[in-house]
Amino acid sequence: MRDLAGILSSYTSDFHGVVPFDPAHDKLISMDFTEANQLLTGEIINDIVLFSNYIDAALADAGARYGIGGYGEHRTVYSRSRVFDAKEGDEPRRLHLGLDIWGNAGTPVYAPLDAIIHSYAFNDHYGDYGATIILEHSLNGHQFFSLYGHLSTANLNVHEGQRINKGELFAHFGEPAENGHWPPHLHFQIIENIGNTKGDYPGVCRFSERSLYLANCPDPDLVANLVRFVVST
């Protein structure tokens, strides 16, 4: 039996875009949130206004509609929130499991393939997902899930089991007050085994657990199909 990544790879060109993007006119840049990015200082990370201005300026300077990246990235940015802190001497969570798409609040989010609403929640903690929706899919008889974090709370007027068609607009990027206090963006993640969780699933793991989590959360760009359009700045 093929693994989920292999199945998704064979359908990459068939998925609907997760966000509006026209490669003929829109520009997409890579954004780095590791310690290698010396421009992203602690002062910026810990001030939502400065952090949002940093994102906006990076996009404006490049003439880009979106910034993108982060899958498998070991990030220092998570030090801004206790959500990711170590407990009782444990290792903190710093390894990102999703794909981040940075853009304007209100940006539409579309279902990449047919789905039902698995669950949803308002994870209202500083640094958390904020408004979150999880879709359940079946492809070639293989069940999996897609998670959409940092949404608008207005999108939570849904119900479990609700059908969402491929290409259907079902969410929007949220403002910082409703998206976990982040600059507007979408956290997009693919999950094979979601267990018993509802409206939530780790989007960041401990570095020591990366093999386990990355195996359960294959590269979201197999579905988003966007990274190939990144241009150098």
Protein backbone atom coordinates (compact mmCIF):
# COMPACT_ATOMS: atom_id res chain seq x y z
CA MET A 1 0.00 0.00 0.00
CA ARG A 2 1.37 3.42 -0.96
CA ASP A 3 2.12 5.86 1.80
CA LEU A 4 0.19 9.12 2.06
CA ALA A 5 3.02 11.24 0.66
CA GLY A 6 3.19 9.00 -2.40
CA ILE A 7 -0.57 9.23 -2.97
CA LEU A 8 -0.56 13.01 -2.62
CA SER A 9 2.40 13.29 -5.00
CA SER A 10 0.43 11.56 -7.73
CA TYR A 11 -2.44 14.05 -7.37
CA THR A 12 -0.49 17.28 -6.83
CA SER A 13 -1.54 18.86 -10.11
CA ASP A 14 -5.22 18.01 -9.48
CA PHE A 15 -5.70 19.84 -6.19
CA HIS A 16 -7.44 23.20 -6.08
CA GLY A 17 -5.34 26.11 -4.85
CA VAL A 18 -5.55 26.69 -1.11
CA VAL A 19 -5.28 30.46 -1.63
CA PRO A 20 -5.82 32.66 -4.71
CA PHE A 21 -2.59 32.70 -6.69
CA ASP A 22 -1.90 33.42 -10.34
CA PRO A 23 1.73 32.61 -11.20
CA ALA A 24 1.49 34.83 -14.26
CA HIS A 25 0.89 37.92 -12.14
CA ASP A 26 1.48 37.13 -8.45
CA LYS A 27 4.85 36.91 -6.76
CA LEU A 28 5.73 34.50 -3.97
CA ILE A 29 8.80 34.77 -1.74
CA SER A 30 10.36 32.43 0.80
CA MET A 31 10.39 33.57 4.43
CA ASP A 32 12.91 32.30 6.98
CA PHE A 33 12.07 32.12 10.69
CA THR A 34 15.18 30.30 11.87
CA GLU A 35 18.09 31.80 13.80
CA ALA A 36 19.83 32.27 10.44
CA ASN A 37 17.54 35.26 9.83
CA GLN A 38 19.42 37.98 11.70
CA LEU A 39 16.87 40.63 10.72
CA LEU A 40 14.16 38.99 12.78
CA THR A 41 15.19 40.14 16.24
CA GLY A 42 13.66 39.25 19.58
CA GLU A 43 12.26 42.77 19.82
CA ILE A 44 10.34 42.26 16.57
CA ILE A 45 9.15 38.75 17.40
CA ASN A 46 7.71 39.82 20.74
CA ASP A 47 5.81 42.87 19.48
CA ILE A 48 2.85 42.02 17.24
CA VAL A 49 2.88 45.46 15.61
CA LEU A 50 6.59 45.27 14.79
CA PHE A 51 6.24 41.64 13.69
CA SER A 52 3.33 42.48 11.39
CA ASN A 53 5.23 45.47 10.00
CA TYR A 54 8.22 43.20 9.34
CA ILE A 55 6.06 40.80 7.29
CA ASP A 56 4.31 43.61 5.44
CA ALA A 57 7.61 45.31 4.59
CA ALA A 58 9.18 42.07 3.34
CA LEU A 59 6.25 41.49 1.00
CA ALA A 60 6.08 45.10 -0.16
CA ASP A 61 9.83 45.33 -0.80
CA ALA A 62 9.67 42.22 -2.97
CA GLY A 63 6.41 43.19 -4.66
CA ALA A 64 5.05 39.83 -3.48
CA ARG A 65 1.48 38.77 -2.75
CA TYR A 66 2.56 36.06 -0.30
CA GLY A 67 5.47 34.83 1.74
CA ILE A 68 5.74 31.08 2.18
CA GLY A 69 7.76 28.37 3.90
CA GLY A 70 8.42 26.70 7.16
CA TYR A 71 7.82 22.98 6.69
CA GLY A 72 10.35 21.10 8.80
CA GLU A 73 11.92 24.41 9.84
CA HIS A 74 13.55 24.67 13.28
CA ARG A 75 12.35 28.06 14.46
CA THR A 76 13.47 30.43 17.17
CA VAL A 77 10.25 32.43 16.74
CA TYR A 78 8.34 30.09 19.04
CA SER A 79 10.18 31.43 22.05
CA ARG A 80 7.58 34.25 21.98
CA SER A 81 4.86 32.03 23.46
CA ARG A 82 4.55 29.77 26.49
CA VAL A 83 2.43 27.46 24.34
CA PHE A 84 5.69 26.01 22.98
CA ASP A 85 7.78 26.18 26.16
CA ALA A 86 9.31 23.19 27.90
CA LYS A 87 7.59 21.90 31.01
CA GLU A 88 9.51 20.61 33.99
CA GLY A 89 12.81 20.72 32.16
CA ASP A 90 11.51 19.06 28.98
CA GLU A 91 12.69 20.06 25.52
CA PRO A 92 10.71 22.99 24.07
CA ARG A 93 8.78 22.62 20.81
CA ARG A 94 10.47 24.43 17.93
CA LEU A 95 10.13 22.27 14.76
CA HIS A 96 7.36 23.48 12.42
CA LEU A 97 5.13 20.81 10.86
CA GLY A 98 3.05 22.92 8.49
CA LEU A 99 3.39 25.32 5.61
CA ASP A 100 2.88 28.99 6.43
CA ILE A 101 1.42 31.33 3.81
CA TRP A 102 1.84 34.98 4.88
CA GLY A 103 -0.48 37.57 3.38
CA ASN A 104 -3.29 39.99 4.09
CA ALA A 105 -5.98 39.42 6.68
CA GLY A 106 -9.16 38.41 4.88
CA THR A 107 -7.32 36.37 2.23
CA PRO A 108 -9.70 33.59 1.07
CA VAL A 109 -8.93 29.94 1.85
CA TYR A 110 -10.28 27.18 -0.40
CA ALA A 111 -10.68 23.43 0.03
CA PRO A 112 -8.04 21.66 -2.09
CA LEU A 113 -10.29 18.61 -2.51
CA ASP A 114 -13.68 17.33 -1.35
CA ALA A 115 -13.98 17.12 2.40
CA ILE A 116 -16.17 17.17 5.44
CA ILE A 117 -15.62 19.32 8.52
CA HIS A 118 -13.86 17.03 10.98
CA SER A 119 -13.70 19.60 13.80
CA TYR A 120 -13.03 23.23 14.63
CA ALA A 121 -12.05 25.35 17.63
CA PHE A 122 -11.01 28.77 18.79
CA ASN A 123 -7.59 28.04 20.29
CA ASP A 124 -7.42 31.44 21.93
CA HIS A 125 -4.00 31.49 23.58
CA TYR A 126 -1.15 33.83 22.78
CA GLY A 127 0.90 32.15 20.05
CA ASP A 128 -1.65 29.38 19.41
CA TYR A 129 -3.71 28.71 16.27
CA GLY A 130 -6.57 31.03 17.11
CA ALA A 131 -9.55 30.08 14.92
CA THR A 132 -8.91 26.61 13.50
CA ILE A 133 -10.71 24.27 11.10
CA ILE A 134 -9.76 20.66 10.33
CA LEU A 135 -11.06 18.95 7.18
CA GLU A 136 -11.30 15.21 6.65
CA HIS A 137 -10.56 13.74 3.22
CA SER A 138 -10.49 10.40 1.45
CA LEU A 139 -8.28 9.82 -1.57
CA ASN A 140 -7.90 6.39 -3.17
CA GLY A 141 -9.51 5.00 -0.04
CA HIS A 142 -6.85 6.66 2.12
CA GLN A 143 -8.20 8.85 4.92
CA PHE A 144 -6.26 11.94 5.97
CA PHE A 145 -6.82 15.43 7.35
CA SER A 146 -5.88 19.01 6.55
CA LEU A 147 -5.59 21.66 9.25
CA TYR A 148 -6.09 25.40 8.72
CA GLY A 149 -4.91 27.63 11.53
CA HIS A 150 -4.95 31.40 12.22
CA LEU A 151 -8.34 31.94 10.59
CA SER A 152 -11.09 34.49 11.12
CA THR A 153 -13.48 33.57 13.94
CA ALA A 154 -16.35 34.35 11.54
CA ASN A 155 -15.45 31.09 9.76
CA LEU A 156 -16.29 28.99 12.82
CA ASN A 157 -20.00 29.12 12.02
CA VAL A 158 -19.81 25.53 10.75
CA HIS A 159 -20.71 22.07 12.05
CA GLU A 160 -18.94 18.73 12.18
CA GLY A 161 -19.78 16.53 9.22
CA GLN A 162 -20.60 19.52 7.01
CA ARG A 163 -19.66 18.84 3.39
CA ILE A 164 -17.07 21.11 1.78
CA ASN A 165 -16.58 20.76 -1.96
CA LYS A 166 -13.27 20.98 -3.79
CA GLY A 167 -12.58 24.64 -4.54
CA GLU A 168 -15.15 25.90 -2.05
CA LEU A 169 -14.31 29.07 -0.13
CA PHE A 170 -14.65 28.14 3.54
CA ALA A 171 -12.27 30.39 5.50
CA HIS A 172 -10.16 33.56 5.55
CA PHE A 173 -6.88 34.66 7.13
CA GLY A 174 -7.64 36.16 10.54
CA GLU A 175 -6.52 39.35 12.25
CA PRO A 176 -4.00 39.06 15.13
CA ALA A 177 -6.75 39.38 17.76
CA GLU A 178 -8.42 36.19 16.47
CA ASN A 179 -5.50 34.23 15.00
CA GLY A 180 -3.40 33.60 18.10
CA HIS A 181 -1.72 37.04 17.95
CA TRP A 182 0.36 36.43 14.84
CA PRO A 183 0.79 38.54 11.72
CA PRO A 184 -1.94 37.40 9.30
CA HIS A 185 -1.13 34.10 7.66
CA LEU A 186 -2.41 30.57 7.11
CA HIS A 187 -0.88 27.55 8.82
CA PHE A 188 -1.65 24.67 6.44
CA GLN A 189 -0.84 21.15 7.59
CA ILE A 190 -1.51 17.61 6.38
CA ILE A 191 -2.10 14.93 9.03
CA GLU A 192 -2.47 11.21 8.45
CA ASN A 193 -3.41 9.95 11.91
CA ILE A 194 -5.13 12.61 13.98
CA GLY A 195 -5.97 10.35 16.91
CA ASN A 196 -8.70 11.63 19.20
CA THR A 197 -7.89 15.33 18.85
CA LYS A 198 -10.58 17.78 17.77
CA GLY A 199 -10.04 21.32 16.54
CA ASP A 200 -6.34 21.03 17.27
CA TYR A 201 -3.22 19.03 16.48
CA PRO A 202 0.43 19.92 17.16
CA GLY A 203 1.77 22.22 14.48
CA VAL A 204 5.15 22.37 16.21
CA CYS A 205 7.02 19.47 17.82
CA ARG A 206 10.18 18.84 19.78
CA PHE A 207 13.23 18.48 17.55
CA SER A 208 13.91 15.06 19.06
CA GLU A 209 10.46 13.90 17.84
CA ARG A 210 10.82 15.22 14.31
CA SER A 211 10.96 11.81 12.58
CA LEU A 212 7.73 10.65 14.20
CA TYR A 213 5.78 13.83 13.48
CA LEU A 214 7.14 14.48 9.98
CA ALA A 215 6.16 10.93 9.01
CA ASN A 216 2.60 11.61 10.19
CA CYS A 217 2.54 15.09 8.63
CA PRO A 218 3.91 14.92 5.06
CA ASP A 219 4.94 18.04 3.18
CA PRO A 220 1.80 20.21 2.77
CA ASP A 221 3.17 21.58 -0.50
CA LEU A 222 2.30 18.23 -2.09
CA VAL A 223 -1.24 19.64 -1.87
CA ALA A 224 -0.64 23.42 -1.95
CA ASN A 225 1.70 23.15 -4.96
CA LEU A 226 3.07 26.65 -4.37
CA VAL A 227 6.72 26.45 -3.36
CA ARG A 228 7.80 25.84 -6.97
CA PHE A 229 6.73 29.41 -7.73
CA VAL A 230 8.99 31.02 -5.13
CA VAL A 231 11.27 33.67 -6.59
CA SER A 232 14.56 34.82 -5.11
CA THR A 233 14.66 38.35 -3.69
